[in-house]
C-alpha cells in the first residue's frame, strides 16, 4: 500500500487484517494494525480490533489477545468475545475460555452458544482436575 501510494480505508484494513489472520501472518498483521493511525490516520474501530483478536488467537497468543480486548477504547461485543472463545477451543486454555464465555454472557441472552461453551469449559476443567 505504501509503495503504490494508495491510502486504504477502514474496510480495506479489515480485509488486510483478516487476510493476515487467515494466513497466520502475525508480524505483518501487527504492522498493518499499528500503521492504521500512525501512517494512514485511521482510528481502529471494533472491526479492526476483532481482526487482531482473531489473528492473535489463531497464533496462540491468547494472553496478548486478552490484553488487547481489555485495552480497547470501546466495549467488546459478541464478535470480539466469540473470536476469543474460538481461540480457546483450539488451544484449550480453560482460564481464558472462561473469561471469554463470561464476557459473552454479560452482553445478555442473545444466543445459547456461549452457555454451551461455558458448560463445556467447566466439564473439561472438572475432567482435568480429576485426572491430577
N, C-alpha and C. Protein backbone atom coordinates (compact mmCIF):
# COMPACT_ATOMS: atom_id res chain seq x y z
N UNK A 1 0.82 -1.19 0.00
CA UNK A 1 0.00 0.00 0.00
C UNK A 1 0.87 1.25 0.00
N UNK A 2 1.96 1.20 0.75
CA UNK A 2 2.84 2.36 0.79
C UNK A 2 3.51 2.60 -0.55
N UNK A 3 3.94 1.53 -1.20
CA UNK A 3 4.66 1.68 -2.46
C UNK A 3 3.76 2.22 -3.57
N UNK A 4 2.50 1.83 -3.56
CA UNK A 4 1.59 2.29 -4.61
C UNK A 4 0.97 3.63 -4.28
N UNK A 5 1.28 4.17 -3.10
CA UNK A 5 0.77 5.45 -2.64
C UNK A 5 -0.76 5.49 -2.61
N UNK A 6 -1.35 4.34 -2.29
CA UNK A 6 -2.80 4.24 -2.13
C UNK A 6 -3.10 4.28 -0.64
N UNK A 7 -4.03 5.13 -0.27
CA UNK A 7 -4.42 5.20 1.14
C UNK A 7 -5.62 4.29 1.36
N UNK A 8 -5.48 3.32 2.24
CA UNK A 8 -6.59 2.41 2.49
C UNK A 8 -7.66 3.08 3.35
N UNK A 9 -8.87 2.53 3.27
CA UNK A 9 -9.91 2.96 4.18
C UNK A 9 -10.12 1.86 5.22
N UNK A 10 -11.09 2.04 6.09
CA UNK A 10 -11.29 1.09 7.18
C UNK A 10 -11.71 -0.29 6.67
N UNK A 11 -12.47 -0.33 5.59
CA UNK A 11 -12.89 -1.61 5.01
C UNK A 11 -11.68 -2.35 4.45
N UNK A 12 -10.80 -1.64 3.78
CA UNK A 12 -9.58 -2.25 3.25
C UNK A 12 -8.76 -2.83 4.38
N UNK A 13 -8.67 -2.10 5.49
CA UNK A 13 -7.87 -2.58 6.62
C UNK A 13 -8.48 -3.83 7.24
N UNK A 14 -9.80 -3.93 7.28
CA UNK A 14 -10.44 -5.15 7.77
C UNK A 14 -10.03 -6.33 6.89
N UNK A 15 -10.07 -6.12 5.59
CA UNK A 15 -9.72 -7.20 4.66
C UNK A 15 -8.24 -7.58 4.78
N UNK A 16 -7.38 -6.60 4.91
CA UNK A 16 -5.95 -6.87 5.04
C UNK A 16 -5.67 -7.62 6.34
N UNK A 17 -6.26 -7.14 7.44
CA UNK A 17 -6.04 -7.79 8.73
C UNK A 17 -6.65 -9.19 8.76
N UNK A 18 -7.78 -9.36 8.14
CA UNK A 18 -8.41 -10.68 8.06
C UNK A 18 -7.54 -11.64 7.25
N UNK A 19 -6.98 -11.14 6.16
CA UNK A 19 -6.08 -11.97 5.35
C UNK A 19 -4.85 -12.37 6.16
N UNK A 20 -4.33 -11.44 6.95
CA UNK A 20 -3.18 -11.76 7.81
C UNK A 20 -3.56 -12.82 8.83
N UNK A 21 -4.76 -12.73 9.40
CA UNK A 21 -5.21 -13.73 10.37
C UNK A 21 -5.32 -15.10 9.72
N UNK A 22 -5.95 -15.16 8.57
CA UNK A 22 -6.14 -16.45 7.90
C UNK A 22 -4.82 -17.00 7.35
N UNK A 23 -3.89 -16.12 7.03
CA UNK A 23 -2.58 -16.55 6.56
C UNK A 23 -1.57 -16.74 7.67
N UNK A 24 -2.01 -16.49 8.92
CA UNK A 24 -1.14 -16.62 10.09
C UNK A 24 0.10 -15.74 9.96
N UNK A 25 -0.12 -14.52 9.51
CA UNK A 25 0.96 -13.55 9.31
C UNK A 25 0.95 -12.55 10.47
N UNK A 26 1.46 -12.98 11.60
CA UNK A 26 1.38 -12.19 12.83
C UNK A 26 2.09 -10.85 12.72
N UNK A 27 3.35 -10.87 12.34
CA UNK A 27 4.12 -9.62 12.29
C UNK A 27 3.55 -8.63 11.29
N UNK A 28 3.14 -9.13 10.13
CA UNK A 28 2.56 -8.25 9.13
C UNK A 28 1.24 -7.65 9.63
N UNK A 29 0.41 -8.49 10.24
CA UNK A 29 -0.86 -8.01 10.77
C UNK A 29 -0.67 -6.96 11.84
N UNK A 30 0.27 -7.20 12.75
CA UNK A 30 0.55 -6.21 13.78
C UNK A 30 1.07 -4.91 13.18
N UNK A 31 1.90 -5.04 12.16
CA UNK A 31 2.44 -3.86 11.49
C UNK A 31 1.34 -3.04 10.82
N UNK A 32 0.44 -3.72 10.13
CA UNK A 32 -0.68 -3.00 9.48
C UNK A 32 -1.58 -2.35 10.51
N UNK A 33 -1.85 -3.07 11.60
CA UNK A 33 -2.72 -2.51 12.64
C UNK A 33 -2.10 -1.25 13.23
N UNK A 34 -0.82 -1.32 13.52
CA UNK A 34 -0.14 -0.16 14.11
C UNK A 34 -0.03 1.00 13.12
N UNK A 35 0.07 0.68 11.83
CA UNK A 35 0.19 1.74 10.82
C UNK A 35 -1.13 2.44 10.54
N UNK A 36 -2.23 1.86 10.98
CA UNK A 36 -3.52 2.48 10.69
C UNK A 36 -3.53 3.95 11.12
N UNK A 37 -3.20 4.19 12.38
CA UNK A 37 -3.23 5.56 12.89
C UNK A 37 -1.97 6.33 12.52
N UNK A 38 -0.82 5.67 12.70
CA UNK A 38 0.45 6.36 12.52
C UNK A 38 0.69 6.78 11.07
N UNK A 39 0.36 5.91 10.14
CA UNK A 39 0.67 6.17 8.73
C UNK A 39 -0.53 6.67 7.95
N UNK A 40 -1.69 6.04 8.19
CA UNK A 40 -2.86 6.33 7.36
C UNK A 40 -3.90 7.21 8.03
N UNK A 41 -3.71 7.53 9.32
CA UNK A 41 -4.64 8.41 10.02
C UNK A 41 -6.01 7.78 10.26
N UNK A 42 -6.07 6.46 10.33
CA UNK A 42 -7.32 5.76 10.58
C UNK A 42 -7.36 5.28 12.02
N UNK A 43 -8.40 5.65 12.74
CA UNK A 43 -8.55 5.18 14.11
C UNK A 43 -9.20 3.80 14.06
N UNK A 44 -8.53 2.79 14.64
CA UNK A 44 -9.10 1.44 14.60
C UNK A 44 -10.47 1.39 15.28
N UNK A 45 -11.39 0.72 14.63
CA UNK A 45 -12.73 0.50 15.16
C UNK A 45 -12.85 -0.94 15.62
N UNK A 46 -14.01 -1.30 16.11
CA UNK A 46 -14.23 -2.64 16.65
C UNK A 46 -13.92 -3.73 15.62
N UNK A 47 -14.18 -3.46 14.34
CA UNK A 47 -13.93 -4.45 13.30
C UNK A 47 -12.44 -4.76 13.17
N UNK A 48 -11.60 -3.74 13.22
CA UNK A 48 -10.16 -3.96 13.13
C UNK A 48 -9.63 -4.65 14.39
N UNK A 49 -10.17 -4.26 15.54
CA UNK A 49 -9.78 -4.93 16.78
C UNK A 49 -10.19 -6.40 16.72
N UNK A 50 -11.35 -6.68 16.16
CA UNK A 50 -11.80 -8.06 16.01
C UNK A 50 -10.85 -8.88 15.17
N UNK A 51 -10.35 -8.30 14.11
CA UNK A 51 -9.38 -9.00 13.26
C UNK A 51 -8.09 -9.28 14.03
N UNK A 52 -7.67 -8.34 14.84
CA UNK A 52 -6.45 -8.55 15.62
C UNK A 52 -6.64 -9.61 16.70
N UNK A 53 -7.81 -9.63 17.34
CA UNK A 53 -8.09 -10.68 18.33
C UNK A 53 -8.08 -12.04 17.63
N UNK A 54 -8.67 -12.09 16.44
CA UNK A 54 -8.67 -13.32 15.66
C UNK A 54 -7.25 -13.74 15.31
N UNK A 55 -6.45 -12.82 14.83
CA UNK A 55 -5.07 -13.11 14.46
C UNK A 55 -4.27 -13.61 15.65
N UNK A 56 -4.34 -12.90 16.75
CA UNK A 56 -3.59 -13.31 17.94
C UNK A 56 -4.09 -14.66 18.46
N UNK A 57 -5.39 -14.86 18.42
CA UNK A 57 -5.95 -16.13 18.87
C UNK A 57 -5.52 -17.29 18.00
N UNK A 58 -5.52 -17.10 16.70
CA UNK A 58 -5.10 -18.17 15.78
C UNK A 58 -3.64 -18.55 15.98
N UNK A 59 -2.85 -17.60 16.46
CA UNK A 59 -1.42 -17.85 16.65
C UNK A 59 -1.09 -18.29 18.08
N UNK A 60 -2.12 -18.54 18.89
CA UNK A 60 -1.97 -18.97 20.28
C UNK A 60 -1.35 -17.88 21.16
N UNK A 61 -1.62 -16.65 20.84
CA UNK A 61 -1.21 -15.52 21.67
C UNK A 61 -2.44 -15.05 22.44
N UNK A 62 -2.98 -15.96 23.27
CA UNK A 62 -4.25 -15.69 23.95
C UNK A 62 -4.11 -14.58 24.99
N UNK A 63 -3.01 -14.57 25.70
CA UNK A 63 -2.80 -13.50 26.71
C UNK A 63 -2.75 -12.14 26.02
N UNK A 64 -2.06 -12.07 24.89
CA UNK A 64 -1.96 -10.81 24.15
C UNK A 64 -3.32 -10.40 23.59
N UNK A 65 -4.09 -11.39 23.13
CA UNK A 65 -5.44 -11.09 22.63
C UNK A 65 -6.31 -10.56 23.76
N UNK A 66 -6.21 -11.19 24.93
CA UNK A 66 -6.97 -10.72 26.08
C UNK A 66 -6.56 -9.29 26.47
N UNK A 67 -5.25 -9.05 26.50
CA UNK A 67 -4.78 -7.71 26.83
C UNK A 67 -5.28 -6.67 25.83
N UNK A 68 -5.32 -7.05 24.55
CA UNK A 68 -5.84 -6.14 23.53
C UNK A 68 -7.31 -5.84 23.78
N UNK A 69 -8.08 -6.87 24.11
CA UNK A 69 -9.51 -6.68 24.40
C UNK A 69 -9.69 -5.73 25.58
N UNK A 70 -8.92 -5.96 26.63
CA UNK A 70 -9.04 -5.13 27.84
C UNK A 70 -8.59 -3.69 27.60
N UNK A 71 -7.72 -3.49 26.62
CA UNK A 71 -7.21 -2.14 26.33
C UNK A 71 -7.96 -1.40 25.24
N UNK A 72 -8.98 -2.04 24.67
CA UNK A 72 -9.71 -1.39 23.58
C UNK A 72 -10.43 -0.15 24.10
N UNK A 73 -10.53 0.88 23.28
CA UNK A 73 -11.22 2.09 23.72
C UNK A 73 -12.74 1.97 23.70
N UNK A 74 -13.25 0.79 23.29
CA UNK A 74 -14.69 0.55 23.28
C UNK A 74 -14.95 -0.78 23.97
N UNK A 75 -16.21 -1.01 24.31
CA UNK A 75 -16.59 -2.28 24.93
C UNK A 75 -16.52 -3.40 23.91
N UNK A 76 -16.05 -4.56 24.35
CA UNK A 76 -16.02 -5.72 23.48
C UNK A 76 -17.45 -6.18 23.20
N UNK A 77 -17.69 -6.60 21.96
CA UNK A 77 -19.01 -7.10 21.59
C UNK A 77 -18.96 -8.62 21.45
N UNK A 78 -20.06 -9.21 21.00
CA UNK A 78 -20.11 -10.67 20.88
C UNK A 78 -19.14 -11.19 19.81
N UNK A 79 -18.81 -10.38 18.82
CA UNK A 79 -17.85 -10.81 17.80
C UNK A 79 -16.44 -10.93 18.42
N UNK A 80 -16.07 -9.95 19.20
CA UNK A 80 -14.76 -9.97 19.87
C UNK A 80 -14.66 -11.17 20.81
N UNK A 81 -15.65 -11.31 21.69
CA UNK A 81 -15.62 -12.42 22.65
C UNK A 81 -15.75 -13.76 21.94
N UNK A 82 -16.55 -13.83 20.90
CA UNK A 82 -16.70 -15.08 20.15
C UNK A 82 -15.41 -15.50 19.48
N UNK A 83 -14.70 -14.54 18.93
CA UNK A 83 -13.40 -14.83 18.32
C UNK A 83 -12.42 -15.34 19.36
N UNK A 84 -12.43 -14.69 20.50
CA UNK A 84 -11.54 -15.10 21.59
C UNK A 84 -11.92 -16.49 22.10
N UNK A 85 -13.22 -16.75 22.21
CA UNK A 85 -13.69 -18.05 22.67
C UNK A 85 -13.33 -19.14 21.67
N UNK A 86 -13.37 -18.83 20.39
CA UNK A 86 -12.98 -19.81 19.37
C UNK A 86 -11.51 -20.18 19.50
N UNK A 87 -10.68 -19.20 19.83
CA UNK A 87 -9.25 -19.48 20.04
C UNK A 87 -9.06 -20.39 21.24
N UNK A 88 -9.87 -20.18 22.27
CA UNK A 88 -9.79 -21.07 23.44
C UNK A 88 -10.04 -22.51 23.00
N UNK A 89 -11.06 -22.70 22.14
CA UNK A 89 -11.43 -24.06 21.72
C UNK A 89 -10.26 -24.74 21.02
N UNK A 90 -9.50 -23.98 20.25
CA UNK A 90 -8.37 -24.57 19.54
C UNK A 90 -7.23 -24.91 20.50
N UNK A 91 -6.92 -23.99 21.42
CA UNK A 91 -5.74 -24.16 22.26
C UNK A 91 -6.05 -24.61 23.69
N UNK A 92 -7.36 -24.73 24.00
CA UNK A 92 -7.82 -25.31 25.26
C UNK A 92 -7.25 -24.61 26.49
N UNK A 93 -7.26 -23.30 26.50
CA UNK A 93 -6.84 -22.53 27.66
C UNK A 93 -8.10 -22.27 28.50
N UNK A 94 -8.29 -23.09 29.53
CA UNK A 94 -9.53 -23.08 30.30
C UNK A 94 -9.78 -21.73 30.95
N UNK A 95 -8.77 -21.13 31.55
CA UNK A 95 -8.96 -19.87 32.27
C UNK A 95 -9.43 -18.76 31.33
N UNK A 96 -8.77 -18.62 30.19
CA UNK A 96 -9.15 -17.57 29.26
C UNK A 96 -10.46 -17.91 28.53
N UNK A 97 -10.73 -19.19 28.34
CA UNK A 97 -12.02 -19.58 27.77
C UNK A 97 -13.16 -19.20 28.68
N UNK A 98 -12.95 -19.37 29.96
CA UNK A 98 -13.96 -18.98 30.95
C UNK A 98 -14.19 -17.47 30.91
N UNK A 99 -13.12 -16.71 30.81
CA UNK A 99 -13.23 -15.24 30.72
C UNK A 99 -14.04 -14.85 29.48
N UNK A 100 -13.74 -15.49 28.35
CA UNK A 100 -14.45 -15.18 27.11
C UNK A 100 -15.92 -15.51 27.20
N UNK A 101 -16.23 -16.69 27.72
CA UNK A 101 -17.63 -17.09 27.83
C UNK A 101 -18.39 -16.16 28.77
N UNK A 102 -17.77 -15.77 29.87
CA UNK A 102 -18.42 -14.84 30.80
C UNK A 102 -18.59 -13.47 30.15
N UNK A 103 -17.62 -13.06 29.34
CA UNK A 103 -17.75 -11.79 28.61
C UNK A 103 -18.95 -11.81 27.69
N UNK A 104 -19.18 -12.94 27.04
CA UNK A 104 -20.35 -13.07 26.17
C UNK A 104 -21.64 -13.08 26.98
N UNK A 105 -21.63 -13.76 28.12
CA UNK A 105 -22.82 -13.80 28.96
C UNK A 105 -23.21 -12.41 29.46
N UNK A 106 -22.23 -11.59 29.74
CA UNK A 106 -22.51 -10.23 30.22
C UNK A 106 -23.22 -9.38 29.18
N UNK A 107 -23.05 -9.74 27.92
CA UNK A 107 -23.70 -8.97 26.85
C UNK A 107 -25.20 -9.24 26.78
N UNK A 108 -25.64 -10.27 27.47
CA UNK A 108 -27.07 -10.57 27.50
C UNK A 108 -27.40 -11.85 26.77
N UNK A 109 -28.61 -12.30 26.95
CA UNK A 109 -29.03 -13.58 26.37
C UNK A 109 -29.36 -13.45 24.88
N UNK A 110 -28.35 -13.51 24.05
CA UNK A 110 -28.57 -13.41 22.61
C UNK A 110 -28.58 -14.80 21.96
N UNK A 111 -27.78 -15.67 22.52
CA UNK A 111 -27.59 -16.98 21.90
C UNK A 111 -27.25 -17.97 23.00
N UNK A 112 -27.48 -19.23 22.75
CA UNK A 112 -27.15 -20.25 23.74
C UNK A 112 -25.73 -20.77 23.58
N UNK A 113 -25.07 -20.40 22.49
CA UNK A 113 -23.73 -20.89 22.20
C UNK A 113 -22.77 -20.61 23.35
N UNK A 114 -22.83 -19.40 23.92
CA UNK A 114 -21.91 -19.05 24.99
C UNK A 114 -22.14 -19.90 26.23
N UNK A 115 -23.39 -20.22 26.53
CA UNK A 115 -23.68 -21.06 27.69
C UNK A 115 -23.20 -22.49 27.47
N UNK A 116 -23.38 -22.99 26.27
CA UNK A 116 -22.89 -24.33 25.94
C UNK A 116 -21.37 -24.38 26.06
N UNK A 117 -20.70 -23.36 25.53
CA UNK A 117 -19.25 -23.31 25.61
C UNK A 117 -18.77 -23.23 27.06
N UNK A 118 -19.44 -22.40 27.88
CA UNK A 118 -19.05 -22.29 29.28
C UNK A 118 -19.27 -23.63 29.99
N UNK A 119 -20.34 -24.31 29.68
CA UNK A 119 -20.60 -25.63 30.24
C UNK A 119 -19.49 -26.61 29.84
N UNK A 120 -19.10 -26.57 28.58
CA UNK A 120 -18.01 -27.44 28.10
C UNK A 120 -16.69 -27.11 28.79
N UNK A 121 -16.45 -25.84 29.01
CA UNK A 121 -15.22 -25.42 29.70
C UNK A 121 -15.19 -26.01 31.10
N UNK A 122 -16.30 -25.88 31.82
CA UNK A 122 -16.35 -26.41 33.18
C UNK A 122 -16.24 -27.93 33.19
N UNK A 123 -16.85 -28.59 32.22
CA UNK A 123 -16.75 -30.05 32.13
C UNK A 123 -15.31 -30.48 31.87
N UNK A 124 -14.63 -29.79 30.96
CA UNK A 124 -13.23 -30.12 30.67
C UNK A 124 -12.34 -29.83 31.88
N UNK A 125 -12.64 -28.75 32.56
CA UNK A 125 -11.85 -28.39 33.74
C UNK A 125 -12.03 -29.44 34.83
N UNK A 126 -13.25 -29.91 35.04
CA UNK A 126 -13.52 -30.94 36.05
C UNK A 126 -12.82 -32.24 35.68
N UNK A 127 -12.84 -32.59 34.40
CA UNK A 127 -12.17 -33.81 33.94
C UNK A 127 -10.67 -33.69 34.18
N UNK A 128 -10.09 -32.52 33.89
CA UNK A 128 -8.66 -32.30 34.09
C UNK A 128 -8.32 -32.36 35.58
N UNK A 129 -9.15 -31.69 36.42
CA UNK A 129 -8.89 -31.67 37.86
C UNK A 129 -8.94 -33.08 38.45
N UNK A 130 -9.85 -33.92 37.95
CA UNK A 130 -9.95 -35.29 38.45
C UNK A 130 -8.74 -36.14 38.05
N UNK A 131 -8.14 -35.81 36.93
CA UNK A 131 -7.01 -36.62 36.46
C UNK A 131 -5.71 -36.27 37.18
N UNK A 132 -5.68 -35.19 37.87
CA UNK A 132 -4.46 -34.75 38.58
C UNK A 132 -4.33 -35.44 39.88
